[in-house]
Amino acid sequence: MATAPLGPYFRDATDHVLRVVDLADNVRDLLTSLLEVRVAQAANRLNDIMKRVTSWGAVILVPTLIAGIYGMNFRQMPELHWTFGYPMALLTMTLAGAGVWWFFRRKDWL
């Protein structure tokens, strides 16, 4: 019966322990939320970088495609025997690349 007078003290200590455990749970939840926010920010940044890299790849692809077609050495390409065939091909590559660049620039991907 010597423990009966100590009962209120044990209840008080139990209450303090429960409060500390709740505080630790709240801090853990807060840190988990902060980590999730940081991971989401990193994913958004990666998505932005991937959009930019893909856009530049598309800008480079168009002139490369046109140059690849002209580099196939066909005999019956009408532009090969035309005086302005080579300058027209360069102009087409430049305009097509600039058009793709302008499109992606307007979309704010570059």
Protein backbone atom coordinates (compact mmCIF):
# COMPACT_ATOMS: atom_id res chain seq x y z
CA MET A 1 0.00 0.00 0.00
CA ALA A 2 3.01 2.26 -0.11
CA THR A 3 2.49 2.82 -3.85
CA ALA A 4 -0.99 4.33 -3.45
CA PRO A 5 0.32 7.81 -2.56
CA LEU A 6 2.63 7.67 -5.61
CA GLY A 7 -0.26 7.04 -8.05
CA PRO A 8 -0.76 10.71 -9.01
CA TYR A 9 2.95 11.05 -9.73
CA PHE A 10 2.95 7.98 -11.97
CA ARG A 11 -0.11 9.30 -13.84
CA ASP A 12 1.65 12.64 -14.25
CA ALA A 13 4.80 10.93 -15.57
CA THR A 14 2.65 8.82 -17.93
CA ASP A 15 0.97 11.99 -19.21
CA HIS A 16 4.37 13.60 -19.87
CA VAL A 17 5.61 10.50 -21.69
CA LEU A 18 2.47 10.46 -23.86
CA ARG A 19 2.95 14.14 -24.70
CA VAL A 20 6.59 13.56 -25.67
CA VAL A 21 5.58 10.58 -27.84
CA ASP A 22 2.91 12.71 -29.56
CA LEU A 23 5.43 15.50 -30.09
CA ALA A 24 7.92 13.02 -31.58
CA ASP A 25 5.19 11.69 -33.91
CA ASN A 26 4.31 15.23 -35.01
CA VAL A 27 7.97 16.07 -35.68
CA ARG A 28 8.39 12.80 -37.63
CA ASP A 29 5.29 13.60 -39.73
CA LEU A 30 6.58 17.12 -40.36
CA LEU A 31 9.99 15.83 -41.46
CA THR A 32 8.36 13.25 -43.72
CA SER A 33 6.24 15.98 -45.32
CA LEU A 34 9.31 18.17 -45.84
CA LEU A 35 11.15 15.28 -47.47
CA GLU A 36 8.21 14.61 -49.78
CA VAL A 37 8.11 18.29 -50.76
CA ARG A 38 11.83 18.23 -51.53
CA VAL A 39 11.48 15.09 -53.66
CA ALA A 40 8.57 16.69 -55.54
CA GLN A 41 10.65 19.82 -56.17
CA ALA A 42 13.51 17.70 -57.52
CA ALA A 43 11.09 15.80 -59.79
CA ASN A 44 9.65 19.06 -61.12
CA ARG A 45 13.14 20.39 -61.81
CA LEU A 46 14.05 17.17 -63.62
CA ASN A 47 10.89 17.43 -65.73
CA ASP A 48 11.80 20.99 -66.68
CA ILE A 49 15.31 19.96 -67.68
CA MET A 50 13.96 17.03 -69.71
CA LYS A 51 11.59 19.37 -71.58
CA ARG A 52 14.47 21.64 -72.49
CA VAL A 53 16.76 18.82 -73.60
CA THR A 54 13.99 17.27 -75.68
CA SER A 55 13.20 20.62 -77.28
CA TRP A 56 16.80 21.16 -78.30
CA GLY A 57 16.87 17.62 -79.68
CA ALA A 58 13.83 18.41 -81.81
CA VAL A 59 15.40 21.66 -83.05
CA ILE A 60 18.53 19.76 -84.12
CA LEU A 61 16.54 16.86 -85.61
CA VAL A 62 14.82 18.84 -88.38
CA PRO A 63 17.96 20.10 -90.21
CA THR A 64 19.62 16.73 -89.65
CA LEU A 65 16.68 14.98 -91.31
CA ILE A 66 16.81 17.25 -94.34
CA ALA A 67 20.59 16.88 -94.63
CA GLY A 68 20.23 13.10 -94.31
CA ILE A 69 17.77 12.97 -97.18
CA TYR A 70 20.09 15.04 -99.39
CA GLY A 71 23.03 12.85 -98.41
CA MET A 72 21.48 9.64 -99.80
CA ASN A 73 22.93 10.20 -103.29
CA PHE A 74 19.76 9.65 -105.29
CA ARG A 75 20.09 10.18 -109.02
CA GLN A 76 16.57 11.49 -109.64
CA MET A 77 16.26 14.31 -107.11
CA PRO A 78 15.05 17.38 -109.02
CA GLU A 79 16.87 19.79 -106.73
CA LEU A 80 20.27 18.31 -107.57
CA HIS A 81 20.37 19.77 -111.07
CA TRP A 82 18.81 23.07 -110.12
CA THR A 83 21.12 26.05 -109.64
CA PHE A 84 19.52 27.08 -106.37
CA GLY A 85 19.06 23.54 -105.02
CA TYR A 86 21.84 23.73 -102.44
CA PRO A 87 20.97 27.22 -101.16
CA MET A 88 17.28 26.23 -101.06
CA ALA A 89 18.11 23.15 -98.98
CA LEU A 90 20.12 25.28 -96.54
CA LEU A 91 17.35 27.85 -96.38
CA THR A 92 14.77 25.12 -95.75
CA MET A 93 16.90 23.65 -92.96
CA THR A 94 17.37 27.06 -91.38
CA LEU A 95 13.70 27.99 -91.60
CA ALA A 96 12.52 24.61 -90.34
CA GLY A 97 14.96 24.70 -87.40
CA ALA A 98 13.99 28.29 -86.61
CA GLY A 99 10.30 27.38 -86.79
CA VAL A 100 10.71 24.53 -84.33
CA TRP A 101 12.84 26.75 -82.07
CA TRP A 102 10.19 29.50 -82.20
CA PHE A 103 7.43 27.00 -81.37
CA PHE A 104 9.24 25.65 -78.32
CA ARG A 105 10.29 29.15 -77.28
CA ARG A 106 6.65 30.26 -77.41
CA LYS A 107 5.69 27.27 -75.24
CA ASP A 108 8.46 28.39 -72.81
CA TRP A 109 10.36 25.13 -73.18
CA LEU A 110 13.57 26.86 -74.24
